[in-house]
Amino acid sequence: MNSTIAMITFRAMLGRRRALLLLALPLVLLVLAAVLRYTGNNDLDISADVLQKFGLATLLPLLALIAGTGVIGPEIDDGQIMYVLTKPIPRQVVVLTKLAVAIVLVAVFAVVPTLLAGMVLTGSTAGMAPAFTAGVLVGGVTYSAVFVALAVASRNAVTIGLLYALVWESLLGNFAPGAKSASIQQWALSVTDAMTSATPVKSTVDLAVAVPLLIVVSLGGTLLAAYRLRSLSVAHAE
């Protein structure tokens, strides 16, 4: 990991309009949790529904998409990446640094708000708050690796990412059982399911399948991003 690249990337991410989205989405979750707690509509069924459908299925992939594509995609599009590529820095270090920044952003703006929302909604009941926090964390790492790889491999990374998160996982996943098996959301939900006794939380993918898939896809996305960045010439970046 390169500290200079990391600091430049953090400054760029938090200084752009993306920062507004990074703040707005978790704020909506926290306000919703507070309203439900205040009005007494925070039983386990409703709380699980909010944390799963808003936190895990909406907030997480959108924030990971913003962070994963934002840490490197714009630099490739406008040619600024050439300044990094001409430095004596291994390109796998560049990728790992960008990925680390994306994961930190997801942790701050998705994982922590999920924990806070869970504590507001359920407290320590059934261990649901830490369970969803763990699910969002492992899912965030995998989403980030996939979206960083997409940003390096394609100029249409945001569109592809939205199609995957909103169409494949959310839409097709409700009708095609096979789509759920190839869903980062369901793999992360499997981790959540294993950590809580709350009956409303139920994944369609076994933990023994979900954990290896999370690891393989995370590593695969990282390796693909490093390979694609190595094949990206300075001339192409220009």
C-alpha atoms as a PDB file:
ATOM      1  CA  MET A   1       0.000   0.000   0.000  1.00  0.00           C
ATOM      2  CA  ASN A   2       1.262   3.455  -0.939  1.00  0.00           C
ATOM      3  CA  SER A   3       0.379   6.174   1.591  1.00  0.00           C
ATOM      4  CA  THR A   4       0.779   9.016  -0.909  1.00  0.00           C
ATOM      5  CA  ILE A   5      -1.647   7.466  -3.389  1.00  0.00           C
ATOM      6  CA  ALA A   6      -4.036   6.697  -0.539  1.00  0.00           C
ATOM      7  CA  MET A   7      -4.080  10.288   0.715  1.00  0.00           C
ATOM      8  CA  ILE A   8      -4.562  11.701  -2.781  1.00  0.00           C
ATOM      9  CA  THR A   9      -7.414   9.277  -3.394  1.00  0.00           C
ATOM     10  CA  PHE A  10      -9.119  10.085  -0.081  1.00  0.00           C
ATOM     11  CA  ARG A  11      -8.846  13.788  -0.817  1.00  0.00           C
ATOM     12  CA  ALA A  12     -10.325  13.326  -4.284  1.00  0.00           C
ATOM     13  CA  MET A  13     -13.204  11.139  -3.074  1.00  0.00           C
ATOM     14  CA  LEU A  14     -14.185  13.332  -0.156  1.00  0.00           C
ATOM     15  CA  GLY A  15     -13.821  16.549  -2.119  1.00  0.00           C
ATOM     16  CA  ARG A  16     -16.164  15.674  -4.959  1.00  0.00           C
ATOM     17  CA  ARG A  17     -19.924  15.485  -5.287  1.00  0.00           C
ATOM     18  CA  ARG A  18     -19.617  11.791  -4.486  1.00  0.00           C
ATOM     19  CA  ALA A  19     -19.083  12.836  -0.873  1.00  0.00           C
ATOM     20  CA  LEU A  20     -22.676  14.112  -0.772  1.00  0.00           C
ATOM     21  CA  LEU A  21     -23.967  10.703  -1.821  1.00  0.00           C
ATOM     22  CA  LEU A  22     -21.633   8.972   0.619  1.00  0.00           C
ATOM     23  CA  LEU A  23     -23.213  11.021   3.403  1.00  0.00           C
ATOM     24  CA  ALA A  24     -26.815  11.137   2.188  1.00  0.00           C
ATOM     25  CA  LEU A  25     -27.468   7.414   1.849  1.00  0.00           C
ATOM     26  CA  PRO A  26     -26.419   6.366   5.381  1.00  0.00           C
ATOM     27  CA  LEU A  27     -28.184   9.427   6.804  1.00  0.00           C
ATOM     28  CA  VAL A  28     -31.465   8.191   5.324  1.00  0.00           C
ATOM     29  CA  LEU A  29     -30.948   4.798   7.000  1.00  0.00           C
ATOM     30  CA  LEU A  30     -30.214   6.378  10.382  1.00  0.00           C
ATOM     31  CA  VAL A  31     -33.205   8.730  10.182  1.00  0.00           C
ATOM     32  CA  LEU A  32     -35.480   5.850   9.178  1.00  0.00           C
ATOM     33  CA  ALA A  33     -34.228   3.747  12.095  1.00  0.00           C
ATOM     34  CA  ALA A  34     -34.789   6.618  14.533  1.00  0.00           C
ATOM     35  CA  VAL A  35     -38.323   7.241  13.250  1.00  0.00           C
ATOM     36  CA  LEU A  36     -39.251   3.554  13.504  1.00  0.00           C
ATOM     37  CA  ARG A  37     -37.834   3.364  17.041  1.00  0.00           C
ATOM     38  CA  TYR A  38     -39.634   6.552  18.091  1.00  0.00           C
ATOM     39  CA  THR A  39     -42.988   5.376  16.709  1.00  0.00           C
ATOM     40  CA  GLY A  40     -42.633   1.881  18.149  1.00  0.00           C
ATOM     41  CA  ASN A  41     -42.538   0.190  14.732  1.00  0.00           C
ATOM     42  CA  ASN A  42     -39.231  -1.555  15.384  1.00  0.00           C
ATOM     43  CA  ASP A  43     -40.164  -5.186  16.012  1.00  0.00           C
ATOM     44  CA  LEU A  44     -37.749  -7.850  14.735  1.00  0.00           C
ATOM     45  CA  ASP A  45     -39.592  -8.398  11.462  1.00  0.00           C
ATOM     46  CA  ILE A  46     -39.612  -4.717  10.498  1.00  0.00           C
ATOM     47  CA  SER A  47     -36.070  -4.145  11.753  1.00  0.00           C
ATOM     48  CA  ALA A  48     -34.729  -7.109   9.808  1.00  0.00           C
ATOM     49  CA  ASP A  49     -36.578  -5.929   6.710  1.00  0.00           C
ATOM     50  CA  VAL A  50     -35.065  -2.433   6.971  1.00  0.00           C
ATOM     51  CA  LEU A  51     -31.532  -3.636   7.649  1.00  0.00           C
ATOM     52  CA  GLN A  52     -31.674  -6.196   4.859  1.00  0.00           C
ATOM     53  CA  LYS A  53     -33.553  -4.376   2.107  1.00  0.00           C
ATOM     54  CA  PHE A  54     -32.226  -0.888   2.744  1.00  0.00           C
ATOM     55  CA  GLY A  55     -28.896  -1.497   4.468  1.00  0.00           C
ATOM     56  CA  LEU A  56     -27.584  -4.656   2.821  1.00  0.00           C
ATOM     57  CA  ALA A  57     -29.423  -4.652  -0.499  1.00  0.00           C
ATOM     58  CA  THR A  58     -29.475  -0.923  -1.342  1.00  0.00           C
ATOM     59  CA  LEU A  59     -27.104   1.178   0.741  1.00  0.00           C
ATOM     60  CA  LEU A  60     -24.170  -1.235   0.563  1.00  0.00           C
ATOM     61  CA  PRO A  61     -23.970  -1.921  -3.198  1.00  0.00           C
ATOM     62  CA  LEU A  62     -24.599   1.713  -4.112  1.00  0.00           C
ATOM     63  CA  LEU A  63     -21.927   3.011  -1.727  1.00  0.00           C
ATOM     64  CA  ALA A  64     -19.502   0.297  -2.811  1.00  0.00           C
ATOM     65  CA  LEU A  65     -20.174   1.226  -6.445  1.00  0.00           C
ATOM     66  CA  ILE A  66     -19.530   4.916  -5.764  1.00  0.00           C
ATOM     67  CA  ALA A  67     -16.349   4.131  -3.814  1.00  0.00           C
ATOM     68  CA  GLY A  68     -15.044   1.260  -5.948  1.00  0.00           C
ATOM     69  CA  THR A  69     -15.417   3.024  -9.284  1.00  0.00           C
ATOM     70  CA  GLY A  70     -14.583   6.463  -7.899  1.00  0.00           C
ATOM     71  CA  VAL A  71     -11.150   5.632  -6.502  1.00  0.00           C
ATOM     72  CA  ILE A  72      -9.665   4.871  -9.926  1.00  0.00           C
ATOM     73  CA  GLY A  73     -12.223   5.213 -12.727  1.00  0.00           C
ATOM     74  CA  PRO A  74     -12.106   9.004 -13.110  1.00  0.00           C
ATOM     75  CA  GLU A  75      -8.288   8.961 -13.198  1.00  0.00           C
ATOM     76  CA  ILE A  76      -8.362   6.495 -16.090  1.00  0.00           C
ATOM     77  CA  ASP A  77     -11.060   8.445 -17.928  1.00  0.00           C
ATOM     78  CA  ASP A  78      -9.299  11.826 -17.741  1.00  0.00           C
ATOM     79  CA  GLY A  79      -5.768  10.431 -18.191  1.00  0.00           C
ATOM     80  CA  GLN A  80      -4.465  11.406 -14.751  1.00  0.00           C
ATOM     81  CA  ILE A  81      -3.571   7.779 -14.120  1.00  0.00           C
ATOM     82  CA  MET A  82      -0.564   8.298 -16.429  1.00  0.00           C
ATOM     83  CA  TYR A  83       1.211  10.208 -13.672  1.00  0.00           C
ATOM     84  CA  VAL A  84       0.973   7.146 -11.440  1.00  0.00           C
ATOM     85  CA  LEU A  85       1.893   4.679 -14.165  1.00  0.00           C
ATOM     86  CA  THR A  86       5.123   6.516 -14.941  1.00  0.00           C
ATOM     87  CA  LYS A  87       6.281   6.264 -11.319  1.00  0.00           C
ATOM     88  CA  PRO A  88       8.361   3.306 -10.072  1.00  0.00           C
ATOM     89  CA  ILE A  89       5.390   1.894  -8.176  1.00  0.00           C
ATOM     90  CA  PRO A  90       4.264  -1.684  -8.878  1.00  0.00           C
ATOM     91  CA  ARG A  91       0.809  -1.588 -10.376  1.00  0.00           C
ATOM     92  CA  GLN A  92      -0.471  -4.209  -7.961  1.00  0.00           C
ATOM     93  CA  VAL A  93       0.424  -1.769  -5.185  1.00  0.00           C
ATOM     94  CA  VAL A  94      -1.645   0.907  -6.942  1.00  0.00           C
ATOM     95  CA  VAL A  95      -4.626  -1.462  -7.145  1.00  0.00           C
ATOM     96  CA  LEU A  96      -4.302  -2.622  -3.542  1.00  0.00           C
ATOM     97  CA  THR A  97      -4.078   0.983  -2.354  1.00  0.00           C
ATOM     98  CA  LYS A  98      -7.139   2.037  -4.330  1.00  0.00           C
ATOM     99  CA  LEU A  99      -9.031  -1.016  -3.073  1.00  0.00           C
ATOM    100  CA  ALA A 100      -8.032  -0.285   0.522  1.00  0.00           C
ATOM    101  CA  VAL A 101      -9.356   3.265   0.190  1.00  0.00           C
ATOM    102  CA  ALA A 102     -12.635   1.968  -1.248  1.00  0.00           C
ATOM    103  CA  ILE A 103     -13.012  -0.521   1.616  1.00  0.00           C
ATOM    104  CA  VAL A 104     -12.321   2.162   4.230  1.00  0.00           C
ATOM    105  CA  LEU A 105     -14.965   4.404   2.649  1.00  0.00           C
ATOM    106  CA  VAL A 106     -17.471   1.551   2.645  1.00  0.00           C
ATOM    107  CA  ALA A 107     -16.633   0.774   6.273  1.00  0.00           C
ATOM    108  CA  VAL A 108     -17.167   4.392   7.345  1.00  0.00           C
ATOM    109  CA  PHE A 109     -20.276   5.145   5.301  1.00  0.00           C
ATOM    110  CA  ALA A 110     -22.004   1.737   5.206  1.00  0.00           C
ATOM    111  CA  VAL A 111     -20.706  -0.581   7.945  1.00  0.00           C
ATOM    112  CA  VAL A 112     -20.751   1.912  10.832  1.00  0.00           C
ATOM    113  CA  PRO A 113     -24.207   3.349   9.941  1.00  0.00           C
ATOM    114  CA  THR A 114     -25.577  -0.197   9.700  1.00  0.00           C
ATOM    115  CA  LEU A 115     -24.311  -0.951  13.200  1.00  0.00           C
ATOM    116  CA  LEU A 116     -25.781   2.289  14.552  1.00  0.00           C
ATOM    117  CA  ALA A 117     -29.127   1.708  12.801  1.00  0.00           C
ATOM    118  CA  GLY A 118     -29.225  -1.853  14.093  1.00  0.00           C
ATOM    119  CA  MET A 119     -28.562  -0.733  17.663  1.00  0.00           C
ATOM    120  CA  VAL A 120     -31.270   1.937  17.412  1.00  0.00           C
ATOM    121  CA  LEU A 121     -33.783  -0.574  16.034  1.00  0.00           C
ATOM    122  CA  THR A 122     -33.053  -3.705  18.036  1.00  0.00           C
ATOM    123  CA  GLY A 123     -30.371  -2.986  20.632  1.00  0.00           C
ATOM    124  CA  SER A 124     -28.731  -6.290  21.515  1.00  0.00           C
ATOM    125  CA  THR A 125     -31.795  -8.405  20.677  1.00  0.00           C
ATOM    126  CA  ALA A 126     -30.895 -11.647  18.862  1.00  0.00           C
ATOM    127  CA  GLY A 127     -27.480 -10.204  18.013  1.00  0.00           C
ATOM    128  CA  MET A 128     -29.032  -8.762  14.870  1.00  0.00           C
ATOM    129  CA  ALA A 129     -27.114  -5.460  14.835  1.00  0.00           C
ATOM    130  CA  PRO A 130     -23.613  -7.020  14.897  1.00  0.00           C
ATOM    131  CA  ALA A 131     -24.775  -9.762  12.519  1.00  0.00           C
ATOM    132  CA  PHE A 132     -25.840  -7.281   9.846  1.00  0.00           C
ATOM    133  CA  THR A 133     -22.703  -5.250  10.519  1.00  0.00           C
ATOM    134  CA  ALA A 134     -20.561  -8.307   9.767  1.00  0.00           C
ATOM    135  CA  GLY A 135     -22.589  -9.101   6.668  1.00  0.00           C
ATOM    136  CA  VAL A 136     -22.236  -5.560   5.340  1.00  0.00           C
ATOM    137  CA  LEU A 137     -18.489  -5.619   6.056  1.00  0.00           C
ATOM    138  CA  VAL A 138     -17.723  -8.860   4.194  1.00  0.00           C
ATOM    139  CA  GLY A 139     -20.103  -7.915   1.401  1.00  0.00           C
ATOM    140  CA  GLY A 140     -18.492  -4.482   1.184  1.00  0.00           C
ATOM    141  CA  VAL A 141     -15.035  -5.960   0.689  1.00  0.00           C
ATOM    142  CA  THR A 142     -16.279  -8.175  -2.138  1.00  0.00           C
ATOM    143  CA  TYR A 143     -18.352  -5.454  -3.809  1.00  0.00           C
ATOM    144  CA  SER A 144     -15.375  -3.086  -3.638  1.00  0.00           C
ATOM    145  CA  ALA A 145     -13.025  -5.590  -5.274  1.00  0.00           C
ATOM    146  CA  VAL A 146     -15.526  -6.265  -8.060  1.00  0.00           C
ATOM    147  CA  PHE A 147     -16.253  -2.593  -8.727  1.00  0.00           C
ATOM    148  CA  VAL A 148     -12.569  -1.581  -8.685  1.00  0.00           C
ATOM    149  CA  ALA A 149     -11.938  -4.319 -11.264  1.00  0.00           C
ATOM    150  CA  LEU A 150     -14.861  -3.056 -13.366  1.00  0.00           C
ATOM    151  CA  ALA A 151     -13.515   0.504 -13.195  1.00  0.00           C
ATOM    152  CA  VAL A 152     -10.136  -0.635 -14.526  1.00  0.00           C
ATOM    153  CA  ALA A 153     -11.611  -2.944 -17.170  1.00  0.00           C
ATOM    154  CA  SER A 154     -14.416  -0.788 -18.569  1.00  0.00           C
ATOM    155  CA  ARG A 155     -15.408   2.822 -19.004  1.00  0.00           C
ATOM    156  CA  ASN A 156     -19.007   1.711 -18.381  1.00  0.00           C
ATOM    157  CA  ALA A 157     -18.267   0.386 -14.890  1.00  0.00           C
ATOM    158  CA  VAL A 158     -21.015   2.387 -13.182  1.00  0.00           C
ATOM    159  CA  THR A 159     -23.659   1.188 -15.634  1.00  0.00           C
ATOM    160  CA  ILE A 160     -22.532  -2.426 -15.379  1.00  0.00           C
ATOM    161  CA  GLY A 161     -22.405  -2.183 -11.600  1.00  0.00           C
ATOM    162  CA  LEU A 162     -25.917  -0.761 -11.418  1.00  0.00           C
ATOM    163  CA  LEU A 163     -27.226  -3.476 -13.711  1.00  0.00           C
ATOM    164  CA  TYR A 164     -25.677  -6.134 -11.499  1.00  0.00           C
ATOM    165  CA  ALA A 165     -26.776  -4.648  -8.165  1.00  0.00           C
ATOM    166  CA  LEU A 166     -30.245  -3.444  -9.120  1.00  0.00           C
ATOM    167  CA  VAL A 167     -31.287  -5.781 -11.923  1.00  0.00           C
ATOM    168  CA  TRP A 168     -29.463  -9.061 -11.287  1.00  0.00           C
ATOM    169  CA  GLU A 169     -29.488  -9.062  -7.479  1.00  0.00           C
ATOM    170  CA  SER A 170     -32.684  -7.176  -6.690  1.00  0.00           C
ATOM    171  CA  LEU A 171     -34.975  -7.877  -9.642  1.00  0.00           C
ATOM    172  CA  LEU A 172     -33.962 -11.230 -11.116  1.00  0.00           C
ATOM    173  CA  GLY A 173     -33.014 -12.509  -7.677  1.00  0.00           C
ATOM    174  CA  ASN A 174     -36.680 -12.406  -6.678  1.00  0.00           C
ATOM    175  CA  PHE A 175     -37.749 -14.635  -9.569  1.00  0.00           C
ATOM    176  CA  ALA A 176     -34.765 -16.777 -10.555  1.00  0.00           C
ATOM    177  CA  PRO A 177     -33.292 -18.983  -7.791  1.00  0.00           C
ATOM    178  CA  GLY A 178     -30.069 -19.334  -9.786  1.00  0.00           C
ATOM    179  CA  ALA A 179     -29.528 -15.581  -9.686  1.00  0.00           C
ATOM    180  CA  LYS A 180     -29.495 -15.641  -5.887  1.00  0.00           C
ATOM    181  CA  SER A 181     -26.685 -18.186  -5.892  1.00  0.00           C
ATOM    182  CA  ALA A 182     -24.545 -15.722  -7.861  1.00  0.00           C
ATOM    183  CA  SER A 183     -25.379 -12.782  -5.619  1.00  0.00           C
ATOM    184  CA  ILE A 184     -22.890 -11.024  -3.346  1.00  0.00           C
ATOM    185  CA  GLN A 185     -25.890  -9.771  -1.405  1.00  0.00           C
ATOM    186  CA  GLN A 186     -27.024 -13.314  -0.626  1.00  0.00           C
ATOM    187  CA  TRP A 187     -23.499 -14.418   0.276  1.00  0.00           C
ATOM    188  CA  ALA A 188     -23.245 -11.541   2.745  1.00  0.00           C
ATOM    189  CA  LEU A 189     -26.730 -12.305   4.069  1.00  0.00           C
ATOM    190  CA  SER A 190     -25.586 -15.879   4.698  1.00  0.00           C
ATOM    191  CA  VAL A 191     -22.908 -14.542   7.066  1.00  0.00           C
ATOM    192  CA  THR A 192     -25.561 -12.430   8.798  1.00  0.00           C
ATOM    193  CA  ASP A 193     -27.916 -15.389   9.043  1.00  0.00           C
ATOM    194  CA  ALA A 194     -25.203 -17.506  10.703  1.00  0.00           C
ATOM    195  CA  MET A 195     -24.580 -14.842  13.367  1.00  0.00           C
ATOM    196  CA  THR A 196     -28.146 -14.121  14.497  1.00  0.00           C
ATOM    197  CA  SER A 197     -30.958 -16.171  15.927  1.00  0.00           C
ATOM    198  CA  ALA A 198     -33.578 -13.840  14.486  1.00  0.00           C
ATOM    199  CA  THR A 199     -35.953 -15.927  12.373  1.00  0.00           C
ATOM    200  CA  PRO A 200     -36.758 -13.125   9.861  1.00  0.00           C
ATOM    201  CA  VAL A 201     -33.144 -13.257   8.631  1.00  0.00           C
ATOM    202  CA  LYS A 202     -32.820 -16.075   6.138  1.00  0.00           C
ATOM    203  CA  SER A 203     -30.336 -16.576   3.295  1.00  0.00           C
ATOM    204  CA  THR A 204     -30.865 -18.902   0.342  1.00  0.00           C
ATOM    205  CA  VAL A 205     -27.128 -19.708   0.159  1.00  0.00           C
ATOM    206  CA  ASP A 206     -25.412 -21.983   2.692  1.00  0.00           C
ATOM    207  CA  LEU A 207     -22.584 -20.472   4.703  1.00  0.00           C
ATOM    208  CA  ALA A 208     -20.210 -23.230   3.530  1.00  0.00           C
ATOM    209  CA  VAL A 209     -20.800 -22.018  -0.034  1.00  0.00           C
ATOM    210  CA  ALA A 210     -21.044 -18.291   0.657  1.00  0.00           C
ATOM    211  CA  VAL A 211     -17.725 -17.811   2.483  1.00  0.00           C
ATOM    212  CA  PRO A 212     -15.522 -19.457  -0.193  1.00  0.00           C
ATOM    213  CA  LEU A 213     -17.368 -17.491  -2.889  1.00  0.00           C
ATOM    214  CA  LEU A 214     -16.821 -14.219  -1.042  1.00  0.00           C
ATOM    215  CA  ILE A 215     -13.101 -14.965  -0.774  1.00  0.00           C
ATOM    216  CA  VAL A 216     -12.692 -16.195  -4.351  1.00  0.00           C
ATOM    217  CA  VAL A 217     -14.562 -13.261  -5.904  1.00  0.00           C
ATOM    218  CA  SER A 218     -12.689 -10.729  -3.757  1.00  0.00           C
ATOM    219  CA  LEU A 219      -9.319 -12.182  -4.722  1.00  0.00           C
ATOM    220  CA  GLY A 220     -10.402 -12.609  -8.343  1.00  0.00           C
ATOM    221  CA  GLY A 221     -11.526  -8.995  -8.621  1.00  0.00           C
ATOM    222  CA  THR A 222      -8.256  -7.761  -7.116  1.00  0.00           C
ATOM    223  CA  LEU A 223      -6.128  -9.908  -9.418  1.00  0.00           C
ATOM    224  CA  LEU A 224      -8.157  -8.891 -12.465  1.00  0.00           C
ATOM    225  CA  ALA A 225      -7.782  -5.200 -11.610  1.00  0.00           C
ATOM    226  CA  ALA A 226      -4.018  -5.589 -11.178  1.00  0.00           C
ATOM    227  CA  TYR A 227      -3.711  -7.503 -14.471  1.00  0.00           C
ATOM    228  CA  ARG A 228      -5.788  -4.975 -16.410  1.00  0.00           C
ATOM    229  CA  LEU A 229      -3.841  -2.060 -14.936  1.00  0.00           C
ATOM    230  CA  ARG A 230      -0.536  -3.697 -15.922  1.00  0.00           C
ATOM    231  CA  SER A 231      -1.804  -4.004 -19.482  1.00  0.00           C
ATOM    232  CA  LEU A 232      -2.895  -0.357 -19.517  1.00  0.00           C
ATOM    233  CA  SER A 233      -0.164   1.548 -21.323  1.00  0.00           C
ATOM    234  CA  VAL A 234       0.619   5.173 -20.659  1.00  0.00           C
ATOM    235  CA  ALA A 235      -0.326   5.981 -24.233  1.00  0.00           C
ATOM    236  CA  HIS A 236      -3.741   4.423 -23.666  1.00  0.00           C
ATOM    237  CA  ALA A 237      -4.169   6.386 -20.456  1.00  0.00           C
ATOM    238  CA  GLU A 238      -3.439   9.588 -22.330  1.00  0.00           C
END
